[in-house]
Protein backbone atom coordinates (compact mmCIF):
# COMPACT_ATOMS: atom_id res chain seq x y z
CA MET A 1 186.52 188.32 57.37
CA ASN A 2 185.31 191.71 58.51
CA ASN A 3 181.66 192.75 58.40
CA ARG A 4 182.24 195.48 55.81
CA LYS A 5 183.62 193.03 53.30
CA LEU A 6 180.78 190.57 53.90
CA ILE A 7 178.16 193.34 53.57
CA SER A 8 179.82 194.41 50.31
CA ILE A 9 179.65 190.86 48.95
CA ILE A 10 175.97 190.57 49.90
CA LYS A 11 175.16 193.91 48.27
CA ALA A 12 176.91 192.89 45.03
CA TYR A 13 175.01 189.58 45.03
CA LYS A 14 171.65 191.32 45.46
CA ILE A 15 172.41 193.64 42.53
CA LEU A 16 173.41 190.64 40.40
CA ARG A 17 170.17 188.82 41.28
CA GLN A 18 168.06 191.88 40.34
CA ASN A 19 169.66 191.94 36.90
CA ASN A 20 169.24 188.22 36.30
CA THR A 21 168.78 187.49 32.60
CA ASP A 22 168.80 183.69 32.86
CA SER A 23 166.71 182.68 29.83
CA CYS A 24 165.73 179.34 31.41
CA LEU A 25 164.24 181.16 34.41
CA ILE A 26 162.51 183.73 32.25
CA ASP A 27 161.11 181.17 29.81
CA CYS A 28 159.78 178.99 32.63
CA MET A 29 158.09 182.03 34.15
CA ASN A 30 156.49 182.81 30.77
CA SER A 31 155.33 179.25 30.08
CA LYS A 32 151.66 178.87 29.20
CA THR A 33 151.14 175.77 31.36
CA LEU A 34 152.75 174.07 34.35
CA GLU A 35 153.52 171.09 32.11
CA GLN A 36 155.47 173.31 29.72
CA ALA A 37 157.33 174.92 32.64
CA ILE A 38 158.25 171.48 34.02
CA LYS A 39 159.56 170.33 30.63
CA LEU A 40 161.70 173.45 30.23
CA ALA A 41 162.91 173.35 33.84
CA THR A 42 163.86 169.67 33.90
CA SER A 43 165.42 169.66 30.44
CA ALA A 44 167.40 172.78 31.46
CA LYS A 45 166.53 174.38 28.13
CA ASN A 46 165.05 177.69 27.09
CA PHE A 47 162.41 178.20 24.38
CA GLN A 48 165.18 178.16 21.73
CA GLY A 49 166.39 174.74 22.91
CA LYS A 50 169.68 176.01 24.38
CA LYS A 51 170.76 174.01 27.42
CA HIS A 52 171.82 175.88 30.55
CA ASP A 53 175.55 175.72 31.32
CA HIS A 54 174.90 174.21 34.77
CA GLN A 55 173.42 171.08 33.18
CA ARG A 56 175.57 170.88 30.04
CA ARG A 57 177.22 167.60 31.11
CA ILE A 58 173.99 165.76 31.92
CA SER A 59 172.89 163.43 29.14
CA GLU A 60 169.59 163.96 27.33
CA ILE A 61 168.41 160.51 28.44
CA THR A 62 169.02 161.35 32.10
CA LEU A 63 167.19 164.67 31.73
CA GLU A 64 164.28 162.91 29.97
CA ARG A 65 164.01 160.44 32.85
CA PHE A 66 164.15 163.29 35.34
CA THR A 67 161.41 165.08 33.41
CA ALA A 68 159.19 161.98 33.63
CA SER A 69 159.86 161.70 37.36
CA VAL A 70 158.89 165.33 37.98
CA MET A 71 155.84 165.07 35.70
CA ASP A 72 154.60 162.25 37.94
CA LYS A 73 154.46 164.81 40.78
CA LYS A 74 152.78 167.57 38.74
CA ASN A 75 149.62 167.55 40.88
CA ASN A 76 151.70 167.90 44.06
CA LEU A 77 153.44 170.95 42.57
CA THR A 78 150.14 172.81 42.19
CA LYS A 79 149.64 172.64 45.97
CA VAL A 80 152.93 174.11 47.18
CA SER A 81 153.08 177.53 48.81
CA THR A 82 156.75 177.75 49.78
CA PHE A 83 160.04 177.16 48.02
CA ASN A 84 161.00 174.63 50.69
CA GLU A 85 157.92 172.53 49.82
CA LEU A 86 158.74 172.87 46.13
CA ILE A 87 162.37 171.81 46.44
CA SER A 88 161.34 168.87 48.66
CA ILE A 89 159.09 167.56 45.89
CA ILE A 90 161.82 168.01 43.27
CA GLU A 91 164.31 166.23 45.57
CA SER A 92 161.89 163.28 45.79
CA CYS A 93 162.16 163.01 41.98
CA LYS A 94 165.96 162.69 42.03
CA ILE A 95 167.40 159.95 39.83
CA LYS A 96 170.93 158.75 39.16
CA GLY A 97 172.88 161.47 37.35
CA ILE A 98 170.91 164.36 38.84
CA GLY A 99 172.74 166.28 41.55
CA ASN A 100 171.88 168.98 44.05
CA LEU A 101 172.59 171.86 41.66
CA THR A 102 170.12 170.47 39.11
CA ILE A 103 167.55 169.90 41.87
CA TYR A 104 167.90 173.52 42.99
CA ASP A 105 167.92 174.93 39.45
CA THR A 106 164.82 172.92 38.53
CA ALA A 107 162.95 174.02 41.65
CA HIS A 108 163.98 177.63 41.02
CA ARG A 109 162.76 177.48 37.41
CA ILE A 110 159.43 175.88 38.32
CA GLY A 111 159.17 178.31 41.23
CA ASN A 112 159.41 181.17 38.76
CA TYR A 113 156.37 179.80 36.94
CA LEU A 114 154.50 179.34 40.24
CA ARG A 115 155.71 182.75 41.51
CA ILE A 116 157.44 181.10 44.47
CA GLN A 117 160.97 182.29 45.19
CA PRO A 118 163.60 180.92 47.58
CA ASP A 119 163.33 182.52 51.00
CA LYS A 120 166.70 181.33 52.27
CA ILE A 121 170.11 180.57 50.83
CA TYR A 122 170.65 177.08 49.43
CA LEU A 123 174.28 176.00 49.19
CA HIS A 124 175.65 173.31 46.90
CA ARG A 125 179.07 172.46 45.49
CA GLY A 126 180.95 175.66 44.64
CA THR A 127 178.72 178.00 46.59
CA LYS A 128 179.06 175.84 49.69
CA THR A 129 182.84 175.77 49.35
CA GLY A 130 182.90 179.55 48.93
CA ALA A 131 180.68 180.08 51.97
CA ILE A 132 182.90 177.84 54.09
CA ASN A 133 185.96 179.76 52.89
CA LEU A 134 184.28 183.05 53.81
CA LEU A 135 182.51 182.13 57.02
CA GLY A 136 184.16 178.99 58.33
CA LYS A 137 182.04 176.02 59.42
CA ILE A 138 178.37 176.32 58.40
CA ASP A 139 175.25 174.23 58.88
């Protein structure tokens, strides 16, 4: 792939991210408490109770268990200063039925509340496959 095409893809992605209207992200950011942000983030729901498409196949029971697991680490979440620290804590809460996309989405949502954004690109499932197709082998 030539550099021009790759630069064009990156530019389009940045524009898309600036215009992000993901209601789960926005509602977590506007939560009144960290506890409320955790519940929204881990349940993958917005204030209206609509579940995010990324987590539509995960059962309510699994999401409830995941919520409890993350709530157990609530005090640790108040001490993070980087997205990498945040996602590490969320990964430590992983239970059966929760995959890498849900881990990332949850960390991103809670990060919005904490005003901590990803500072590198995290690849999982489809995005990883796409990156490999574009760039070849990646670490």
